[in-house]
Amino acid sequence: MKKIDQLKDAIMKKALGYDTEEVVEEYATDDQEIRLNKRKVTVKHIPPDLTAIKWMMEYIKDPITKTYQSMSKEELMEEKIKLLEKLEEYHGNKTSQN
């Protein structure tokens, strides 16, 4: 795998969020012998990182991202309202079908 592909994968992972295991081990000694006393493994969720999301959107350069990046605040607000109306309409149709 190329270094650039590894970088993209790492940034994508950070942009989406991920789970990781955290291991804590406690050791004890007796008569010159070291032995494992306790071992605790917890799964920790790392939430999505907004900086990584922004970087991926700029890197990918998909048409939707380009469109939104070129919009003014007023145009973005209008688009937000349209999308919220579509979402409400979708949920209304979905509810009425059940």
N, C-alpha and C. Protein backbone atom coordinates (compact mmCIF):
# COMPACT_ATOMS: atom_id res chain seq x y z
N MET A 1 0.86 -1.18 0.00
CA MET A 1 0.00 0.00 0.00
C MET A 1 0.90 1.24 0.00
N LYS A 2 0.58 2.18 -0.84
CA LYS A 2 1.36 3.42 -0.92
C LYS A 2 1.11 4.27 0.32
N LYS A 3 2.09 5.12 0.62
CA LYS A 3 1.98 6.00 1.79
C LYS A 3 0.77 6.92 1.69
N ILE A 4 0.50 7.44 0.47
CA ILE A 4 -0.65 8.35 0.30
C ILE A 4 -1.96 7.61 0.57
N ASP A 5 -2.04 6.34 0.19
CA ASP A 5 -3.24 5.55 0.46
C ASP A 5 -3.39 5.29 1.96
N GLN A 6 -2.28 5.06 2.64
CA GLN A 6 -2.32 4.88 4.09
C GLN A 6 -2.80 6.16 4.78
N LEU A 7 -2.31 7.29 4.28
CA LEU A 7 -2.72 8.58 4.84
C LEU A 7 -4.22 8.80 4.63
N LYS A 8 -4.70 8.54 3.42
CA LYS A 8 -6.14 8.70 3.14
C LYS A 8 -6.97 7.80 4.03
N ASP A 9 -6.54 6.55 4.19
CA ASP A 9 -7.27 5.61 5.05
C ASP A 9 -7.30 6.09 6.51
N ALA A 10 -6.17 6.61 6.98
CA ALA A 10 -6.11 7.09 8.37
C ALA A 10 -7.01 8.30 8.57
N ILE A 11 -7.00 9.21 7.62
CA ILE A 11 -7.85 10.41 7.74
C ILE A 11 -9.32 10.03 7.63
N MET A 12 -9.65 9.09 6.74
CA MET A 12 -11.03 8.64 6.61
C MET A 12 -11.50 7.99 7.91
N LYS A 13 -10.64 7.17 8.51
CA LYS A 13 -10.98 6.53 9.79
C LYS A 13 -11.26 7.59 10.85
N LYS A 14 -10.42 8.61 10.91
CA LYS A 14 -10.60 9.68 11.89
C LYS A 14 -11.85 10.50 11.58
N ALA A 15 -12.15 10.70 10.30
CA ALA A 15 -13.33 11.46 9.91
C ALA A 15 -14.62 10.73 10.26
N LEU A 16 -14.60 9.40 10.19
CA LEU A 16 -15.81 8.62 10.47
C LEU A 16 -15.96 8.22 11.93
N GLY A 17 -14.84 8.26 12.67
CA GLY A 17 -14.87 7.78 14.05
C GLY A 17 -14.61 6.29 14.06
N TYR A 18 -14.13 5.78 15.19
CA TYR A 18 -13.79 4.37 15.26
C TYR A 18 -13.76 3.91 16.71
N ASP A 19 -13.71 2.59 16.90
CA ASP A 19 -13.58 1.98 18.23
C ASP A 19 -12.17 1.43 18.38
N THR A 20 -11.64 1.53 19.56
CA THR A 20 -10.31 0.99 19.85
C THR A 20 -10.32 0.35 21.23
N GLU A 21 -9.44 -0.63 21.42
CA GLU A 21 -9.34 -1.28 22.72
C GLU A 21 -8.25 -0.60 23.54
N GLU A 22 -8.57 -0.38 24.80
CA GLU A 22 -7.60 0.19 25.73
C GLU A 22 -7.29 -0.88 26.77
N VAL A 23 -6.01 -1.23 26.89
CA VAL A 23 -5.59 -2.29 27.80
C VAL A 23 -4.79 -1.68 28.94
N VAL A 24 -5.20 -2.02 30.18
CA VAL A 24 -4.48 -1.59 31.38
C VAL A 24 -4.07 -2.86 32.12
N GLU A 25 -2.76 -2.99 32.35
CA GLU A 25 -2.26 -4.17 33.05
C GLU A 25 -1.56 -3.75 34.34
N GLU A 26 -1.80 -4.54 35.39
CA GLU A 26 -1.17 -4.29 36.69
C GLU A 26 -0.33 -5.50 37.05
N TYR A 27 0.92 -5.25 37.35
CA TYR A 27 1.83 -6.33 37.69
C TYR A 27 2.19 -6.29 39.17
N ALA A 28 2.54 -7.47 39.70
CA ALA A 28 2.98 -7.58 41.10
C ALA A 28 4.27 -8.39 41.13
N THR A 29 5.08 -8.14 42.14
CA THR A 29 6.33 -8.89 42.29
C THR A 29 6.34 -9.61 43.62
N ASP A 30 6.87 -10.80 43.58
CA ASP A 30 7.11 -11.54 44.82
C ASP A 30 8.30 -12.47 44.58
N ASP A 31 9.29 -12.41 45.45
CA ASP A 31 10.49 -13.24 45.34
C ASP A 31 11.15 -13.15 43.97
N GLN A 32 11.35 -11.93 43.51
CA GLN A 32 12.04 -11.66 42.24
C GLN A 32 11.27 -12.10 41.01
N GLU A 33 10.03 -12.46 41.16
CA GLU A 33 9.21 -12.87 40.01
C GLU A 33 8.15 -11.80 39.75
N ILE A 34 8.03 -11.42 38.51
CA ILE A 34 7.01 -10.44 38.11
C ILE A 34 5.87 -11.22 37.46
N ARG A 35 4.68 -10.96 37.96
CA ARG A 35 3.52 -11.66 37.36
C ARG A 35 2.38 -10.68 37.14
N LEU A 36 1.56 -11.01 36.17
CA LEU A 36 0.41 -10.19 35.85
C LEU A 36 -0.64 -10.37 36.93
N ASN A 37 -1.05 -9.28 37.55
CA ASN A 37 -2.02 -9.33 38.65
C ASN A 37 -3.43 -9.06 38.14
N LYS A 38 -3.57 -8.01 37.33
CA LYS A 38 -4.88 -7.63 36.78
C LYS A 38 -4.70 -7.18 35.33
N ARG A 39 -5.70 -7.45 34.53
CA ARG A 39 -5.71 -6.99 33.15
C ARG A 39 -7.13 -6.53 32.82
N LYS A 40 -7.25 -5.27 32.41
CA LYS A 40 -8.57 -4.71 32.10
C LYS A 40 -8.56 -4.22 30.65
N VAL A 41 -9.52 -4.71 29.87
CA VAL A 41 -9.64 -4.30 28.48
C VAL A 41 -10.99 -3.60 28.31
N THR A 42 -10.94 -2.37 27.83
CA THR A 42 -12.18 -1.62 27.57
C THR A 42 -12.17 -1.15 26.12
N VAL A 43 -13.36 -1.10 25.55
CA VAL A 43 -13.51 -0.58 24.19
C VAL A 43 -13.86 0.90 24.32
N LYS A 44 -13.09 1.71 23.63
CA LYS A 44 -13.26 3.15 23.70
C LYS A 44 -13.66 3.65 22.31
N HIS A 45 -14.71 4.47 22.27
CA HIS A 45 -15.16 5.03 20.99
C HIS A 45 -14.50 6.39 20.77
N ILE A 46 -13.87 6.55 19.63
CA ILE A 46 -13.27 7.81 19.24
C ILE A 46 -14.26 8.46 18.27
N PRO A 47 -14.85 9.61 18.62
CA PRO A 47 -15.87 10.22 17.76
C PRO A 47 -15.27 10.81 16.49
N PRO A 48 -16.11 11.07 15.48
CA PRO A 48 -15.63 11.70 14.25
C PRO A 48 -14.95 13.03 14.53
N ASP A 49 -13.93 13.33 13.74
CA ASP A 49 -13.16 14.56 13.90
C ASP A 49 -13.54 15.53 12.78
N LEU A 50 -14.02 16.71 13.14
CA LEU A 50 -14.51 17.67 12.14
C LEU A 50 -13.41 18.16 11.20
N THR A 51 -12.20 18.32 11.71
CA THR A 51 -11.10 18.75 10.86
C THR A 51 -10.80 17.70 9.79
N ALA A 52 -10.84 16.45 10.17
CA ALA A 52 -10.60 15.36 9.21
C ALA A 52 -11.73 15.31 8.18
N ILE A 53 -12.97 15.54 8.62
CA ILE A 53 -14.10 15.56 7.68
C ILE A 53 -13.92 16.68 6.67
N LYS A 54 -13.55 17.85 7.15
CA LYS A 54 -13.35 18.99 6.26
C LYS A 54 -12.23 18.69 5.26
N TRP A 55 -11.13 18.12 5.74
CA TRP A 55 -10.02 17.81 4.86
C TRP A 55 -10.44 16.81 3.79
N MET A 56 -11.19 15.78 4.19
CA MET A 56 -11.64 14.77 3.22
C MET A 56 -12.57 15.39 2.18
N MET A 57 -13.45 16.28 2.61
CA MET A 57 -14.37 16.91 1.66
C MET A 57 -13.59 17.77 0.67
N GLU A 58 -12.56 18.44 1.12
CA GLU A 58 -11.75 19.24 0.22
C GLU A 58 -10.91 18.36 -0.69
N TYR A 59 -10.43 17.25 -0.17
CA TYR A 59 -9.58 16.36 -0.94
C TYR A 59 -10.38 15.62 -2.02
N ILE A 60 -11.56 15.13 -1.63
CA ILE A 60 -12.37 14.35 -2.56
C ILE A 60 -12.86 15.21 -3.72
N LYS A 61 -13.21 16.43 -3.44
CA LYS A 61 -13.67 17.38 -4.46
C LYS A 61 -14.90 16.85 -5.22
N ASP A 62 -15.83 16.27 -4.50
CA ASP A 62 -17.03 15.79 -5.18
C ASP A 62 -17.91 16.98 -5.57
N PRO A 63 -18.75 16.82 -6.58
CA PRO A 63 -19.57 17.93 -7.09
C PRO A 63 -20.46 18.58 -6.04
N ILE A 64 -21.00 17.80 -5.12
CA ILE A 64 -21.88 18.36 -4.10
C ILE A 64 -21.08 19.29 -3.20
N THR A 65 -19.90 18.85 -2.78
CA THR A 65 -19.05 19.68 -1.93
C THR A 65 -18.69 20.97 -2.63
N LYS A 66 -18.31 20.88 -3.91
CA LYS A 66 -17.95 22.09 -4.66
C LYS A 66 -19.12 23.05 -4.72
N THR A 67 -20.32 22.52 -4.93
CA THR A 67 -21.51 23.35 -5.01
C THR A 67 -21.73 24.09 -3.70
N TYR A 68 -21.67 23.37 -2.59
CA TYR A 68 -21.91 24.00 -1.29
C TYR A 68 -20.80 24.99 -0.92
N GLN A 69 -19.57 24.70 -1.30
CA GLN A 69 -18.46 25.59 -0.98
C GLN A 69 -18.58 26.93 -1.69
N SER A 70 -19.18 26.91 -2.86
CA SER A 70 -19.29 28.15 -3.63
C SER A 70 -20.52 28.98 -3.26
N MET A 71 -21.39 28.45 -2.41
CA MET A 71 -22.63 29.14 -2.05
C MET A 71 -22.38 30.21 -0.98
N SER A 72 -23.19 31.25 -1.03
CA SER A 72 -23.15 32.27 0.01
C SER A 72 -23.91 31.75 1.24
N LYS A 73 -23.84 32.48 2.34
CA LYS A 73 -24.55 32.06 3.55
C LYS A 73 -26.06 32.01 3.31
N GLU A 74 -26.55 32.98 2.55
CA GLU A 74 -27.99 33.02 2.27
C GLU A 74 -28.40 31.82 1.41
N GLU A 75 -27.59 31.48 0.41
CA GLU A 75 -27.90 30.32 -0.44
C GLU A 75 -27.84 29.03 0.37
N LEU A 76 -26.87 28.94 1.26
CA LEU A 76 -26.78 27.76 2.11
C LEU A 76 -27.99 27.63 3.02
N MET A 77 -28.48 28.75 3.55
CA MET A 77 -29.66 28.73 4.41
C MET A 77 -30.89 28.27 3.61
N GLU A 78 -31.03 28.77 2.38
CA GLU A 78 -32.15 28.33 1.53
C GLU A 78 -32.07 26.84 1.24
N GLU A 79 -30.87 26.36 0.95
CA GLU A 79 -30.68 24.93 0.68
C GLU A 79 -31.00 24.11 1.93
N LYS A 80 -30.61 24.58 3.09
CA LYS A 80 -30.91 23.89 4.34
C LYS A 80 -32.41 23.77 4.53
N ILE A 81 -33.13 24.86 4.29
CA ILE A 81 -34.59 24.85 4.45
C ILE A 81 -35.23 23.85 3.49
N LYS A 82 -34.77 23.84 2.24
CA LYS A 82 -35.29 22.89 1.25
C LYS A 82 -35.05 21.45 1.70
N LEU A 83 -33.84 21.18 2.17
CA LEU A 83 -33.52 19.82 2.60
C LEU A 83 -34.33 19.41 3.83
N LEU A 84 -34.54 20.33 4.76
CA LEU A 84 -35.36 20.02 5.93
C LEU A 84 -36.81 19.74 5.53
N GLU A 85 -37.33 20.51 4.57
CA GLU A 85 -38.69 20.27 4.09
C GLU A 85 -38.80 18.89 3.43
N LYS A 86 -37.80 18.53 2.63
CA LYS A 86 -37.80 17.20 1.99
C LYS A 86 -37.74 16.10 3.04
N LEU A 87 -36.96 16.32 4.07
CA LEU A 87 -36.84 15.34 5.14
C LEU A 87 -38.16 15.17 5.88
N GLU A 88 -38.82 16.28 6.20
CA GLU A 88 -40.13 16.21 6.86
C GLU A 88 -41.14 15.49 5.96
N GLU A 89 -41.11 15.80 4.67
CA GLU A 89 -42.02 15.15 3.71
C GLU A 89 -41.75 13.65 3.66
N TYR A 90 -40.50 13.27 3.63
CA TYR A 90 -40.13 11.86 3.61
C TYR A 90 -40.62 11.14 4.84
N HIS A 91 -40.37 11.73 6.01
CA HIS A 91 -40.83 11.10 7.26
C HIS A 91 -42.34 11.06 7.34
N GLY A 92 -43.02 12.09 6.82
CA GLY A 92 -44.48 12.10 6.81
C GLY A 92 -45.04 11.00 5.93
N ASN A 93 -44.46 10.80 4.76
CA ASN A 93 -44.88 9.72 3.86
C ASN A 93 -44.59 8.36 4.45
N LYS A 94 -43.47 8.23 5.08
CA LYS A 94 -43.07 6.96 5.69
C LYS A 94 -44.03 6.59 6.82
N THR A 95 -44.41 7.58 7.64
CA THR A 95 -45.32 7.35 8.76
C THR A 95 -46.70 6.99 8.28
N SER A 96 -47.18 7.65 7.23
CA SER A 96 -48.55 7.41 6.75
C SER A 96 -48.67 6.05 6.07
N GLN A 97 -47.56 5.48 5.60
CA GLN A 97 -47.61 4.16 4.96
C GLN A 97 -47.71 3.04 5.96
N ASN A 98 -47.29 3.28 7.20
CA ASN A 98 -47.30 2.22 8.24
C ASN A 98 -48.65 2.05 8.83
